[in-house]
Amino acid sequence: MSITKPASALEADSSAGVPPQHLTGRLKLVLAVLLVAQFMLAVDFSILNVALPAIGDGLGFSLANLQWIATAFALSAAGFTLFFGRVGDLVGRKRIFLGSLALLGLSSLAGGLAATPEILIVARVAQGLATAAATPAGLALLTISFPEGPLRRKALGLNGALMSAGFTAGAVLGGVLTDLLSWRWAFFINVPVALAVLLIAPAVIKESRPTTRPKIDLPGALAVTLGLLALVFGLTQAGEHGWTHPVALASLLAGIVLLITFYFIERKTAQPLVPVHVLKKRNVAWGNVLGLLAFVTETSLVYLLTLYMQKTLGFSALTAGISFGILGAGTVVGGMIAPKVMARTSTLTTLIAGGVLQTVFTAVLLFLGDTSASMGLLLPATFLGGVGNMLVIVGFMVTATTGLPDHEQGLATGLASMSQQVGITMGTPIMSAIVTATTAGAVTAGAILHGVTIAIAANAALVLLGVLIAAVALRTKRHA
């Protein structure tokens, strides 16, 4: 199976077959369009978090059902990412990318105009499906537009920075829009951005599609999609009710069984959704593990620090959200310097250095106290921890997408996107369950601080685990 490469990836010196060594005007435009879209998708993960109480009051959500605003999005976004990533490989990434952005714009408009809880939940499911399709398609278009080497590292660095910055910006933007205008603007803001990308992208992004169209592996697609849905649903239920809740345990067990079944299906299928030889590539397998840990830790840290600032320090949601601007700045800096660090050292060194930096400054947060003076510790620690986290994220993206042909880039980026979205979904329930278990139901400022401190220690331990994995698993491959 062959793929037609985008002209933009070859325009520097096509006659000599030399890949471009610098960003041409067209590549800059391609990069801008894709980065704007990825930033918008990242914002959607967190923009409604601060607005949930206002949405509940406005539409009459019960307290028990309010979490479904986030869960409905997370289930569809994480559950269908791998499937849509492979579909993009087969029918064309540009077609999937543009179609999903159109769906995102329409579903955001529907969510902003929603008059009932049911309409809002349907809109969130549609937003999640659009994100599941657009994220791997956008990343695949990015990787095939920039050849392996400095240009791809630079593009992935900027993409990683904006993705992480988008997540933190969403918390800030959600608070500002809800306080100054209405929660509905947290939906409406997507509409003009999606429309602008849809107007510009067709003219600057080249399609890549197979010359022959193989059959989609339906049994594999069904197994992995249902497995991920069960896994994510189990995690959200564990975060809400605890890890011993029967529904959470049953769902998690079902998810694990389905994912194991998916692996055996792929071993026997002639045209698998995920070829087993790709899963056996050490850089793909371990790179995605590192990506999962990177997103589990940093996004859940945002939840923990939000809890700390509002419940222990008594900050408003808006003040807490604005405080994360420092973390966002750290991720932007990390994304900008990551390609330079990789160029001067190696991807492995970047992964380890970033992980160590994130571990140290996550551990520093163990010394937070119960007065606002602790913000003098929290702000620089989150900035430097954000730098380290972004070094890991960019390193993971490069590691997990290197060494694969263009016709498998949608698969590689689908796996990377799945790691990202499942990581974002997993982090908060895991840390929420730790806080719940250690506070024993108490809601005093001191009890919350104790629970958050224990969860931060677990968070730092997970980051350190990632460092050890990178040092052992990827170093072994390098010497081999």
Protein backbone atom coordinates (compact mmCIF):
# COMPACT_ATOMS: atom_id res chain seq x y z
CA MET A 1 0.00 0.00 0.00
CA SER A 2 1.38 3.38 -0.93
CA ILE A 3 0.49 6.89 0.07
CA THR A 4 0.84 10.05 -1.95
CA LYS A 5 3.04 12.39 0.05
CA PRO A 6 1.96 16.01 0.49
CA ALA A 7 3.74 18.38 -1.81
CA SER A 8 4.51 20.60 1.15
CA ALA A 9 6.81 17.95 2.59
CA LEU A 10 8.93 17.92 -0.53
CA GLU A 11 8.97 21.45 -1.80
CA ALA A 12 12.48 22.45 -0.76
CA ASP A 13 14.36 20.59 -3.44
CA SER A 14 12.18 17.96 -5.03
CA SER A 15 14.44 17.47 -7.98
CA ALA A 16 17.32 16.39 -5.78
CA GLY A 17 15.12 14.55 -3.29
CA VAL A 18 16.48 16.67 -0.44
CA PRO A 19 13.97 17.36 2.36
CA PRO A 20 13.47 21.00 3.39
CA GLN A 21 15.93 22.26 5.99
CA HIS A 22 13.92 25.31 7.03
CA LEU A 23 10.30 26.39 7.24
CA THR A 24 9.14 27.68 3.86
CA GLY A 25 6.18 30.03 3.56
CA ARG A 26 3.81 27.21 2.71
CA LEU A 27 5.05 25.02 5.57
CA LYS A 28 4.55 27.90 7.99
CA LEU A 29 0.95 28.24 6.84
CA VAL A 30 0.36 24.48 7.11
CA LEU A 31 1.87 24.53 10.60
CA ALA A 32 -0.25 27.50 11.69
CA VAL A 33 -3.51 25.92 10.53
CA LEU A 34 -2.80 22.58 12.20
CA LEU A 35 -1.56 24.16 15.44
CA VAL A 36 -4.63 26.39 15.77
CA ALA A 37 -6.86 23.35 15.36
CA GLN A 38 -4.90 21.28 17.90
CA PHE A 39 -4.92 24.17 20.40
CA MET A 40 -8.71 24.44 20.09
CA LEU A 41 -9.08 20.70 20.65
CA ALA A 42 -6.89 20.88 23.76
CA VAL A 43 -8.88 23.81 25.16
CA ASP A 44 -12.06 21.73 24.89
CA PHE A 45 -10.73 19.21 27.40
CA SER A 46 -10.79 21.70 30.27
CA ILE A 47 -12.83 24.76 29.32
CA LEU A 48 -16.03 23.46 30.93
CA ASN A 49 -14.47 22.30 34.22
CA VAL A 50 -14.91 25.66 35.96
CA ALA A 51 -18.30 26.21 34.28
CA LEU A 52 -19.93 22.96 35.48
CA PRO A 53 -21.79 24.47 38.49
CA ALA A 54 -23.16 27.30 36.31
CA ILE A 55 -24.28 24.80 33.64
CA GLY A 56 -25.99 22.70 36.31
CA ASP A 57 -27.89 25.71 37.62
CA GLY A 58 -28.78 26.95 34.14
CA LEU A 59 -30.12 23.68 32.70
CA GLY A 60 -31.27 21.90 35.85
CA PHE A 61 -28.70 19.13 36.05
CA SER A 62 -28.86 17.16 39.27
CA LEU A 63 -25.62 17.05 41.27
CA ALA A 64 -25.26 13.33 40.55
CA ASN A 65 -25.61 13.82 36.79
CA LEU A 66 -23.39 16.89 36.48
CA GLN A 67 -20.25 14.78 35.97
CA TRP A 68 -21.74 13.38 32.75
CA ILE A 69 -20.95 16.67 31.02
CA ALA A 70 -17.28 15.76 31.31
CA THR A 71 -17.68 11.99 31.16
CA ALA A 72 -19.71 12.00 27.91
CA PHE A 73 -16.92 13.92 26.20
CA ALA A 74 -14.13 11.80 27.67
CA LEU A 75 -15.77 8.48 26.74
CA SER A 76 -16.20 9.33 23.07
CA ALA A 77 -12.89 11.20 22.75
CA ALA A 78 -10.77 8.41 24.22
CA GLY A 79 -12.83 5.44 23.02
CA PHE A 80 -12.84 6.22 19.30
CA THR A 81 -9.40 7.81 18.80
CA LEU A 82 -7.55 4.71 17.60
CA PHE A 83 -10.39 3.72 15.27
CA PHE A 84 -10.60 7.14 13.63
CA GLY A 85 -6.81 7.35 13.41
CA ARG A 86 -6.79 4.19 11.30
CA VAL A 87 -9.80 5.31 9.24
CA GLY A 88 -7.83 8.45 8.35
CA ASP A 89 -5.03 6.23 7.05
CA LEU A 90 -7.49 4.44 4.78
CA VAL A 91 -9.78 7.16 3.43
CA GLY A 92 -7.58 10.25 3.72
CA ARG A 93 -6.41 12.30 6.70
CA LYS A 94 -7.42 15.65 5.21
CA ARG A 95 -10.99 14.45 4.60
CA ILE A 96 -11.31 13.14 8.16
CA PHE A 97 -9.67 16.30 9.59
CA LEU A 98 -12.02 18.70 7.82
CA GLY A 99 -15.12 16.61 8.46
CA SER A 100 -14.37 16.34 12.17
CA LEU A 101 -13.77 20.09 12.50
CA ALA A 102 -17.13 20.74 10.83
CA LEU A 103 -18.74 18.37 13.35
CA LEU A 104 -16.94 20.14 16.20
CA GLY A 105 -18.25 23.53 15.07
CA LEU A 106 -21.84 22.29 14.71
CA SER A 107 -21.84 20.39 18.02
CA SER A 108 -20.35 23.40 19.82
CA LEU A 109 -23.12 25.59 18.42
CA ALA A 110 -25.70 23.03 19.55
CA GLY A 111 -24.15 22.88 23.02
CA GLY A 112 -24.20 26.65 23.38
CA LEU A 113 -27.86 26.79 22.36
CA ALA A 114 -28.91 23.74 24.43
CA ALA A 115 -32.12 24.21 26.39
CA THR A 116 -32.18 20.81 28.10
CA PRO A 117 -29.61 18.50 29.75
CA GLU A 118 -30.24 15.83 27.10
CA ILE A 119 -29.33 18.14 24.20
CA LEU A 120 -26.18 19.26 26.00
CA ILE A 121 -25.04 15.67 26.61
CA VAL A 122 -25.61 14.77 22.94
CA ALA A 123 -23.57 17.83 21.95
CA ARG A 124 -20.74 16.76 24.27
CA VAL A 125 -20.72 13.25 22.77
CA ALA A 126 -20.50 14.79 19.29
CA GLN A 127 -17.66 17.07 20.45
CA GLY A 128 -15.83 14.03 21.80
CA LEU A 129 -16.25 12.12 18.52
CA ALA A 130 -14.99 15.15 16.58
CA THR A 131 -11.95 15.35 18.86
CA ALA A 132 -11.31 11.60 18.49
CA ALA A 133 -11.20 12.03 14.70
CA ALA A 134 -9.47 15.41 14.39
CA THR A 135 -6.61 14.85 16.86
CA PRO A 136 -4.91 11.85 15.17
CA ALA A 137 -5.70 13.17 11.69
CA GLY A 138 -4.15 16.55 12.52
CA LEU A 139 -1.07 14.93 14.06
CA ALA A 140 -0.67 12.62 11.05
CA LEU A 141 -0.90 15.56 8.65
CA LEU A 142 1.72 17.30 10.77
CA THR A 143 4.17 14.38 10.76
CA ILE A 144 3.88 13.64 7.04
CA SER A 145 4.22 17.32 6.16
CA PHE A 146 7.56 17.54 7.98
CA PRO A 147 10.29 14.94 7.38
CA GLU A 148 12.00 13.15 10.28
CA GLY A 149 14.69 15.36 11.75
CA PRO A 150 14.91 18.98 12.95
CA LEU A 151 11.78 20.24 11.16
CA ARG A 152 9.56 17.48 12.53
CA ARG A 153 11.00 17.92 16.03
CA LYS A 154 10.31 21.64 15.82
CA ALA A 155 6.75 21.09 14.57
CA LEU A 156 6.02 18.48 17.26
CA GLY A 157 7.58 20.74 19.90
CA LEU A 158 5.28 23.62 18.99
CA ASN A 159 2.33 21.23 18.77
CA GLY A 160 3.05 19.77 22.20
CA ALA A 161 3.47 23.22 23.73
CA LEU A 162 0.16 24.44 22.35
CA MET A 163 -1.65 21.24 23.35
CA SER A 164 -0.53 21.54 26.95
CA ALA A 165 -0.99 25.30 26.97
CA GLY A 166 -4.47 24.76 25.55
CA PHE A 167 -5.38 22.49 28.44
CA THR A 168 -4.34 25.08 31.03
CA ALA A 169 -5.72 27.97 28.96
CA GLY A 170 -9.06 26.18 28.89
CA ALA A 171 -9.28 26.41 32.69
CA VAL A 172 -8.53 30.13 32.59
CA LEU A 173 -10.79 30.86 29.61
CA GLY A 174 -13.67 28.86 31.05
CA GLY A 175 -13.59 30.90 34.25
CA VAL A 176 -13.34 34.24 32.45
CA LEU A 177 -16.14 33.51 29.96
CA THR A 178 -18.44 32.09 32.63
CA ASP A 179 -17.90 35.03 34.99
CA LEU A 180 -18.05 37.82 32.39
CA LEU A 181 -20.54 36.45 29.84
CA SER A 182 -22.15 33.02 30.22
CA TRP A 183 -21.18 29.35 30.27
CA ARG A 184 -22.65 29.14 26.76
CA TRP A 185 -19.66 31.06 25.42
CA ALA A 186 -17.42 28.17 26.44
CA PHE A 187 -19.17 26.36 23.57
CA PHE A 188 -19.64 29.27 21.17
CA ILE A 189 -15.93 30.17 21.13
CA ASN A 190 -15.20 27.04 19.06
CA VAL A 191 -17.50 28.05 16.21
CA PRO A 192 -15.51 30.94 14.64
CA VAL A 193 -12.20 29.11 15.14
CA ALA A 194 -13.49 25.96 13.43
CA LEU A 195 -14.97 28.03 10.62
CA ALA A 196 -11.67 29.88 10.04
CA VAL A 197 -9.71 26.61 9.86
CA LEU A 198 -12.28 25.11 7.48
CA LEU A 199 -11.97 28.11 5.16
CA ILE A 200 -8.15 28.10 5.05
CA ALA A 201 -7.17 24.43 5.42
CA PRO A 202 -8.49 23.08 2.08
CA ALA A 203 -6.19 25.41 0.16
CA VAL A 204 -2.97 24.74 2.11
CA ILE A 205 -3.16 21.11 3.29
CA LYS A 206 -2.58 18.35 0.76
CA GLU A 207 -4.52 15.09 0.95
CA SER A 208 -2.79 11.77 1.58
CA ARG A 209 -4.72 8.62 0.85
CA PRO A 210 -3.91 5.02 -0.10
CA THR A 211 -3.83 3.95 -3.74
CA THR A 212 -5.63 0.77 -2.71
CA ARG A 213 -8.24 0.76 0.04
CA PRO A 214 -8.08 -2.31 2.31
CA LYS A 215 -11.00 -3.48 4.40
CA ILE A 216 -11.42 -2.02 7.86
CA ASP A 217 -10.85 -4.59 10.61
CA LEU A 218 -14.35 -4.46 12.12
CA PRO A 219 -13.85 -7.11 14.86
CA GLY A 220 -10.65 -5.37 15.98
CA ALA A 221 -12.28 -1.94 15.80
CA LEU A 222 -15.23 -3.14 17.88
CA ALA A 223 -13.00 -4.79 20.49
CA VAL A 224 -10.64 -1.84 20.98
CA THR A 225 -13.43 0.77 20.96
CA LEU A 226 -15.59 -1.10 23.48
CA GLY A 227 -12.48 -1.89 25.54
CA LEU A 228 -11.45 1.74 25.75
CA LEU A 229 -15.01 2.86 26.48
CA ALA A 230 -15.27 0.33 29.32
CA LEU A 231 -11.84 1.30 30.68
CA VAL A 232 -12.55 5.04 30.65
CA PHE A 233 -16.04 4.58 32.11
CA GLY A 234 -14.59 2.41 34.87
CA LEU A 235 -12.01 5.06 35.69
CA THR A 236 -14.61 7.82 35.89
CA GLN A 237 -16.79 5.67 38.15
CA ALA A 238 -13.79 4.84 40.34
CA GLY A 239 -13.04 8.54 40.72
CA GLU A 240 -16.66 9.25 41.68
CA HIS A 241 -17.50 6.23 43.87
CA GLY A 242 -14.13 4.68 44.78
CA TRP A 243 -12.08 1.82 43.38
CA THR A 244 -14.10 -0.88 45.14
CA HIS A 245 -17.43 0.16 43.61
CA PRO A 246 -18.94 -2.85 41.74
CA VAL A 247 -19.70 -0.89 38.55
CA ALA A 248 -16.16 0.52 38.43
CA LEU A 249 -14.55 -2.88 38.99
CA ALA A 250 -16.78 -4.65 36.45
CA SER A 251 -16.17 -1.98 33.83
CA LEU A 252 -12.40 -1.97 34.35
CA LEU A 253 -12.28 -5.77 34.16
CA ALA A 254 -14.38 -5.76 30.97
CA GLY A 255 -12.10 -3.15 29.44
CA ILE A 256 -8.95 -5.18 30.18
CA VAL A 257 -10.51 -8.38 28.77
CA LEU A 258 -11.63 -6.60 25.60
CA LEU A 259 -8.21 -5.03 25.03
CA ILE A 260 -6.52 -8.42 25.46
CA THR A 261 -9.05 -9.85 23.01
CA PHE A 262 -8.19 -7.03 20.59
CA TYR A 263 -4.52 -8.02 20.67
CA PHE A 264 -5.29 -11.63 19.76
CA ILE A 265 -7.69 -10.52 17.00
CA GLU A 266 -4.92 -8.39 15.49
CA ARG A 267 -2.51 -11.34 15.50
CA LYS A 268 -4.84 -13.40 13.30
CA THR A 269 -6.38 -10.75 11.01
CA ALA A 270 -5.04 -10.38 7.47
CA GLN A 271 -5.57 -6.60 7.44
CA PRO A 272 -5.48 -5.59 11.13
CA LEU A 273 -6.54 -2.25 12.55
CA VAL A 274 -3.18 -2.13 14.37
CA PRO A 275 -0.52 -4.40 12.85
CA VAL A 276 1.16 -6.38 15.63
CA HIS A 277 4.59 -5.58 14.21
CA VAL A 278 3.91 -1.90 15.03
CA LEU A 279 2.95 -2.73 18.62
CA LYS A 280 6.15 -4.76 18.94
CA LYS A 281 8.33 -1.78 18.02
CA ARG A 282 9.99 -0.80 21.27
CA ASN A 283 9.91 2.91 20.55
CA VAL A 284 6.17 2.81 19.75
CA ALA A 285 5.20 0.66 22.75
CA TRP A 286 7.34 2.33 25.43
CA GLY A 287 6.96 5.78 23.89
CA ASN A 288 3.20 5.56 24.35
CA VAL A 289 3.60 4.34 27.93
CA LEU A 290 5.68 7.44 28.65
CA GLY A 291 3.09 9.64 26.95
CA LEU A 292 0.31 8.09 29.02
CA LEU A 293 2.22 8.79 32.26
CA ALA A 294 3.04 12.35 31.15
CA PHE A 295 -0.62 13.22 30.60
CA VAL A 296 -1.85 11.31 33.67
CA THR A 297 0.47 13.27 35.95
CA GLU A 298 0.33 16.86 34.71
CA THR A 299 -3.40 17.08 33.98
CA SER A 300 -4.29 15.45 37.30
CA LEU A 301 -1.92 17.86 39.05
CA VAL A 302 -4.11 20.68 37.72
CA TYR A 303 -7.07 19.03 39.45
CA LEU A 304 -5.17 18.60 42.72
CA LEU A 305 -3.94 22.19 42.78
CA THR A 306 -7.41 23.49 41.90
CA LEU A 307 -8.75 21.58 44.91
CA TYR A 308 -5.94 22.94 47.07
CA MET A 309 -6.37 26.56 46.04
CA GLN A 310 -10.16 26.57 46.35
CA LYS A 311 -10.72 24.30 49.36
CA THR A 312 -7.61 25.00 51.44
CA LEU A 313 -6.65 28.56 50.48
CA GLY A 314 -10.21 29.73 49.74
CA PHE A 315 -9.48 31.14 46.27
CA SER A 316 -12.28 31.70 43.76
CA ALA A 317 -12.51 29.49 40.67
CA LEU A 318 -11.43 32.41 38.50
CA THR A 319 -8.36 33.19 40.66
CA ALA A 320 -7.35 29.54 40.70
CA GLY A 321 -7.78 29.31 36.95
CA ILE A 322 -5.65 32.40 36.31
CA SER A 323 -2.90 30.96 38.53
CA PHE A 324 -2.48 28.14 36.03
CA GLY A 325 -1.29 30.69 33.50
CA ILE A 326 2.18 30.21 35.04
CA LEU A 327 2.00 26.48 34.38
CA GLY A 328 0.88 27.22 30.83
CA ALA A 329 3.87 29.52 30.33
CA GLY A 330 6.16 26.73 31.50
CA THR A 331 4.72 24.30 28.96
CA VAL A 332 5.17 26.82 26.15
CA VAL A 333 8.81 27.33 27.14
CA GLY A 334 9.30 23.55 27.34
CA GLY A 335 7.82 23.06 23.89
CA MET A 336 10.07 25.72 22.40
CA ILE A 337 13.30 24.41 23.89
CA ALA A 338 12.57 20.68 23.46
CA PRO A 339 13.69 20.52 19.79
CA LYS A 340 16.93 22.34 20.67
CA VAL A 341 17.60 20.00 23.60
CA MET A 342 17.02 16.98 21.34
CA ALA A 343 19.27 18.41 18.63
CA ARG A 344 22.14 19.00 21.07
CA THR A 345 21.72 15.75 23.02
CA SER A 346 19.22 13.02 22.05
CA THR A 347 15.54 12.19 22.38
CA LEU A 348 16.33 9.77 25.23
CA THR A 349 18.28 12.43 27.14
CA THR A 350 15.40 14.86 26.65
CA LEU A 351 12.90 12.33 28.02
CA ILE A 352 15.02 11.60 31.09
CA ALA A 353 15.96 15.24 31.78
CA GLY A 354 12.35 16.36 31.42
CA GLY A 355 11.13 13.57 33.69
CA VAL A 356 13.69 14.35 36.37
CA LEU A 357 12.79 18.07 36.24
CA GLN A 358 9.08 17.29 36.53
CA THR A 359 9.68 14.81 39.38
CA VAL A 360 11.74 17.27 41.42
CA PHE A 361 9.30 20.16 41.12
CA THR A 362 6.26 17.97 41.69
CA ALA A 363 7.93 16.74 44.89
CA VAL A 364 8.56 20.37 45.91
CA LEU A 365 4.77 20.79 46.12
CA LEU A 366 4.75 18.40 49.09
CA PHE A 367 5.79 21.41 51.17
CA LEU A 368 2.66 23.46 50.42
CA GLY A 369 1.05 24.93 53.53
CA ASP A 370 -2.38 26.24 54.48
CA THR A 371 -1.69 29.95 53.88
CA SER A 372 -1.54 32.02 50.70
CA ALA A 373 2.21 32.44 51.24
CA SER A 374 2.53 28.96 49.70
CA MET A 375 1.75 30.49 46.31
CA GLY A 376 5.36 31.70 46.35
CA LEU A 377 6.33 28.03 46.21
CA LEU A 378 3.51 26.78 43.98
CA LEU A 379 3.94 29.20 41.06
CA PRO A 380 7.66 28.65 40.30
CA ALA A 381 7.32 24.90 40.95
CA THR A 382 4.46 24.56 38.46
CA PHE A 383 6.37 26.65 35.89
CA LEU A 384 9.49 24.47 36.07
CA GLY A 385 7.47 21.27 36.35
CA GLY A 386 5.57 22.36 33.23
CA VAL A 387 8.86 22.81 31.37
CA GLY A 388 9.90 19.27 32.34
CA ASN A 389 6.51 17.78 31.44
CA MET A 390 6.62 19.33 27.98
CA LEU A 391 10.13 17.99 27.35
CA VAL A 392 8.68 14.53 28.06
CA ILE A 393 5.61 15.07 25.87
CA VAL A 394 7.61 16.24 22.86
CA GLY A 395 10.10 13.42 23.41
CA PHE A 396 7.24 10.92 23.54
CA MET A 397 5.69 12.26 20.33
CA VAL A 398 9.00 12.00 18.47
CA THR A 399 9.76 8.56 19.90
CA ALA A 400 6.32 7.08 19.18
CA THR A 401 6.13 8.31 15.56
CA THR A 402 9.72 7.67 14.42
CA GLY A 403 10.72 4.84 12.10
CA LEU A 404 7.27 4.23 10.57
CA PRO A 405 6.36 4.80 6.90
CA ASP A 406 3.94 7.53 5.88
CA HIS A 407 1.06 5.10 5.38
CA GLU A 408 1.29 4.12 9.08
CA GLN A 409 1.64 7.65 10.47
CA GLY A 410 -2.11 7.88 11.08
CA LEU A 411 -1.85 4.69 13.12
CA ALA A 412 1.17 5.99 15.04
CA THR A 413 -0.47 9.33 15.78
CA GLY A 414 -3.73 7.54 16.59
CA LEU A 415 -1.90 5.52 19.23
CA ALA A 416 -0.20 8.68 20.52
CA SER A 417 -3.52 10.54 20.62
CA MET A 418 -5.14 7.61 22.43
CA SER A 419 -2.35 7.69 25.04
CA GLN A 420 -2.90 11.42 25.44
CA GLN A 421 -6.66 11.27 25.81
CA VAL A 422 -6.79 8.18 27.99
CA GLY A 423 -4.06 9.74 30.14
CA ILE A 424 -6.04 12.95 30.55
CA THR A 425 -9.12 10.90 31.44
CA MET A 426 -7.32 8.56 33.85
CA GLY A 427 -5.40 11.14 35.84
CA THR A 428 -8.20 12.95 37.64
CA PRO A 429 -10.13 9.82 38.77
CA ILE A 430 -6.92 8.23 40.08
CA MET A 431 -5.92 11.30 42.08
CA SER A 432 -9.52 11.94 43.17
CA ALA A 433 -9.74 8.40 44.54
CA ILE A 434 -6.49 8.92 46.50
CA VAL A 435 -7.78 12.19 47.99
CA THR A 436 -11.13 10.59 48.85
CA ALA A 437 -9.48 7.61 50.53
CA THR A 438 -7.05 9.71 52.60
CA THR A 439 -9.56 12.34 53.74
CA ALA A 440 -12.13 9.72 54.88
CA GLY A 441 -14.98 12.02 53.86
CA ALA A 442 -13.74 15.08 55.77
CA VAL A 443 -14.00 18.39 53.91
CA THR A 444 -12.05 20.69 56.22
CA ALA A 445 -9.17 22.73 54.83
CA GLY A 446 -6.64 20.65 56.77
CA ALA A 447 -8.10 17.33 55.61
CA ILE A 448 -8.10 18.46 51.99
CA LEU A 449 -4.48 19.60 52.30
CA HIS A 450 -3.51 16.19 53.73
CA GLY A 451 -5.30 14.32 50.93
CA VAL A 452 -3.80 16.54 48.23
CA THR A 453 -0.31 16.08 49.69
CA ILE A 454 -0.61 12.27 49.56
CA ALA A 455 -1.90 12.45 45.98
CA ILE A 456 0.97 14.76 44.97
CA ALA A 457 3.43 12.19 46.36
CA ALA A 458 1.76 9.50 44.22
CA ASN A 459 1.91 11.86 41.24
CA ALA A 460 5.65 12.41 41.68
CA ALA A 461 6.18 8.65 41.99
CA LEU A 462 4.44 8.08 38.62
CA VAL A 463 6.67 10.68 36.97
CA LEU A 464 9.73 8.96 38.43
CA LEU A 465 8.44 5.63 37.09
CA GLY A 466 8.42 7.18 33.62
CA VAL A 467 12.05 8.26 34.06
CA LEU A 468 13.06 4.71 34.99
CA ILE A 469 11.15 3.23 32.04
CA ALA A 470 12.84 5.63 29.61
CA ALA A 471 16.28 4.95 31.06
CA VAL A 472 15.90 1.15 30.95
CA ALA A 473 13.57 0.30 28.04
CA LEU A 474 14.63 2.91 25.49
CA ARG A 475 18.31 2.79 26.41
CA THR A 476 18.29 -0.96 25.78
CA LYS A 477 16.99 -0.36 22.27
CA ARG A 478 19.59 2.31 21.62
CA HIS A 479 22.50 0.01 22.47
CA ALA A 480 20.93 -2.86 20.56
